[in-house]
Amino acid sequence: LDPAFRSTASIFVNQDAYNWLDTLQDNNGQFLLQPSLESPSGRQLFGLPVVIVSNKVMPSRVDSGTGAEFAPIIVGDLEEGIVLFDRQQTEIMSSDVAMDAFQTDVTLWRAIERMEVKMRDNEAFVFGEVQLPAE
């Protein structure tokens, strides 16, 4: 991770990775996750805030050959690393005659939204995976 992003970096983990991190201790028996008033999760790791993302949004990966489960971890500043382009406002249209709307006495709606995500600075964050212990 580029040192320029250290002050704005966070650690993004899914629920599986957080549960794994929550069990880790140093050689003195102290847990690596420490309390933090600034972190959204209430925890920090090596001074960086920990952000927990749902497993539905950032799922763990299962290796098809070995069956081992790997949880994702992203360290860095995602606001500097990626940019979201909103190409156009949301277009909403309705119709009471399209398809069978007239016959069934309903109004059909559709919404179109154009968005794209691009890499801004690939040194702003690092992606990795940790192998979770077998249950």
Protein backbone atom coordinates (compact mmCIF):
# COMPACT_ATOMS: atom_id res chain seq x y z
CA LEU A 1 0.00 0.00 0.00
CA ASP A 2 1.34 3.40 -0.99
CA PRO A 3 2.29 5.33 2.20
CA ALA A 4 0.46 8.40 0.84
CA PHE A 5 -2.83 6.61 1.52
CA ARG A 6 -2.01 5.42 5.05
CA SER A 7 -3.84 8.30 6.77
CA THR A 8 -7.07 7.72 4.80
CA ALA A 9 -6.94 3.92 4.55
CA SER A 10 -9.42 1.45 6.02
CA ILE A 11 -9.64 -2.33 6.17
CA PHE A 12 -12.72 -3.73 4.43
CA VAL A 13 -13.67 -7.30 5.35
CA ASN A 14 -16.70 -9.49 4.94
CA GLN A 15 -18.36 -11.13 7.93
CA ASP A 16 -16.31 -14.33 7.56
CA ALA A 17 -12.99 -12.44 7.51
CA TYR A 18 -14.06 -10.33 10.51
CA ASN A 19 -14.96 -13.43 12.52
CA TRP A 20 -11.52 -14.88 11.67
CA LEU A 21 -9.70 -11.64 12.55
CA ASP A 22 -11.59 -11.48 15.84
CA THR A 23 -9.87 -14.70 16.99
CA LEU A 24 -6.27 -13.62 16.26
CA GLN A 25 -3.93 -12.84 19.16
CA ASP A 26 -0.35 -11.63 19.35
CA ASN A 27 2.43 -13.43 21.27
CA ASN A 28 1.31 -11.75 24.51
CA GLY A 29 -2.25 -13.05 24.21
CA GLN A 30 -3.66 -9.63 23.24
CA PHE A 31 -6.29 -9.63 20.50
CA LEU A 32 -5.17 -7.94 17.27
CA LEU A 33 -8.54 -6.20 16.79
CA GLN A 34 -8.55 -3.27 19.18
CA PRO A 35 -11.46 -1.03 20.26
CA SER A 36 -11.91 2.18 18.27
CA LEU A 37 -14.38 5.03 18.65
CA GLU A 38 -13.80 6.20 15.06
CA SER A 39 -14.25 2.90 13.22
CA PRO A 40 -17.73 1.97 11.90
CA SER A 41 -17.32 -1.51 13.39
CA GLY A 42 -15.94 -0.22 16.69
CA ARG A 43 -12.65 -2.04 15.99
CA GLN A 44 -9.30 -1.21 14.42
CA LEU A 45 -6.41 -3.34 13.19
CA PHE A 46 -2.88 -1.90 13.28
CA GLY A 47 -4.40 1.57 13.71
CA LEU A 48 -6.68 1.31 10.66
CA PRO A 49 -10.47 1.32 11.01
CA VAL A 50 -12.19 -1.98 10.17
CA VAL A 51 -15.32 -1.82 7.97
CA ILE A 52 -17.52 -4.94 7.90
CA VAL A 53 -19.31 -5.67 4.62
CA SER A 54 -22.10 -8.23 4.33
CA ASN A 55 -21.23 -11.67 2.95
CA LYS A 56 -23.99 -11.07 0.39
CA VAL A 57 -22.16 -8.03 -0.99
CA MET A 58 -18.58 -9.36 -0.67
CA PRO A 59 -18.85 -13.17 -0.55
CA SER A 60 -16.12 -15.60 0.44
CA ARG A 61 -14.73 -17.86 -2.29
CA VAL A 62 -14.69 -21.65 -2.12
CA ASP A 63 -11.89 -23.39 -4.05
CA SER A 64 -13.52 -25.98 -6.28
CA GLY A 65 -10.52 -28.33 -6.10
CA THR A 66 -9.79 -28.38 -2.38
CA GLY A 67 -13.03 -27.06 -0.91
CA ALA A 68 -11.05 -24.50 1.09
CA GLU A 69 -12.84 -21.24 1.85
CA PHE A 70 -11.13 -17.88 1.27
CA ALA A 71 -12.41 -14.59 2.73
CA PRO A 72 -11.65 -11.27 0.98
CA ILE A 73 -9.83 -8.37 2.64
CA ILE A 74 -9.29 -4.96 1.04
CA VAL A 75 -6.83 -2.53 2.64
CA GLY A 76 -6.62 1.05 1.43
CA ASP A 77 -8.54 4.15 0.40
CA LEU A 78 -11.32 3.12 -1.98
CA GLU A 79 -12.36 6.74 -2.58
CA GLU A 80 -8.94 7.38 -4.15
CA GLY A 81 -8.68 3.96 -5.77
CA ILE A 82 -11.93 3.84 -7.72
CA VAL A 83 -14.35 6.35 -9.18
CA LEU A 84 -18.06 5.94 -9.87
CA PHE A 85 -19.36 7.55 -13.06
CA ASP A 86 -23.08 8.27 -13.06
CA ARG A 87 -23.58 8.67 -16.82
CA GLN A 88 -27.11 9.99 -16.72
CA GLN A 89 -30.03 10.58 -14.41
CA THR A 90 -32.40 7.67 -13.88
CA GLU A 91 -34.90 7.41 -16.73
CA ILE A 92 -38.33 6.25 -15.60
CA MET A 93 -41.19 5.44 -17.96
CA SER A 94 -44.64 3.99 -17.46
CA SER A 95 -47.24 2.48 -19.77
CA ASP A 96 -50.76 1.20 -19.41
CA VAL A 97 -50.89 -0.24 -22.94
CA ALA A 98 -47.58 -2.15 -23.27
CA MET A 99 -47.69 -5.95 -23.36
CA ASP A 100 -50.95 -6.98 -21.63
CA ALA A 101 -51.20 -3.95 -19.30
CA PHE A 102 -54.44 -2.74 -20.87
CA GLN A 103 -56.13 -6.14 -20.62
CA THR A 104 -55.06 -6.71 -17.01
CA ASP A 105 -55.71 -3.09 -15.99
CA VAL A 106 -52.20 -2.41 -14.65
CA THR A 107 -49.50 0.18 -15.20
CA LEU A 108 -46.03 -1.13 -16.07
CA TRP A 109 -42.92 0.75 -14.96
CA ARG A 110 -39.31 0.59 -16.05
CA ALA A 111 -36.22 2.38 -14.81
CA ILE A 112 -32.90 2.69 -16.64
CA GLU A 113 -29.75 3.81 -14.85
CA ARG A 114 -26.31 4.03 -16.45
CA MET A 115 -23.33 3.75 -14.12
CA GLU A 116 -19.76 2.58 -14.40
CA VAL A 117 -16.88 2.03 -11.99
CA LYS A 118 -13.28 2.60 -13.11
CA MET A 119 -9.89 2.31 -11.45
CA ARG A 120 -8.44 5.71 -10.54
CA ASP A 121 -5.26 4.72 -8.69
CA ASN A 122 -4.29 1.06 -8.39
CA GLU A 123 -1.80 1.87 -5.61
CA ALA A 124 -4.53 3.25 -3.32
CA PHE A 125 -5.66 -0.19 -2.17
CA VAL A 126 -4.58 -3.83 -1.98
CA PHE A 127 -6.86 -6.85 -2.34
CA GLY A 128 -6.10 -10.13 -0.62
CA GLU A 129 -7.71 -13.29 0.67
CA VAL A 130 -7.23 -15.30 3.84
CA GLN A 131 -7.87 -19.01 4.02
CA LEU A 132 -10.45 -19.68 6.70
CA PRO A 133 -9.96 -22.63 9.05
CA ALA A 134 -12.03 -25.69 8.21
CA GLU A 135 -15.05 -26.13 10.43
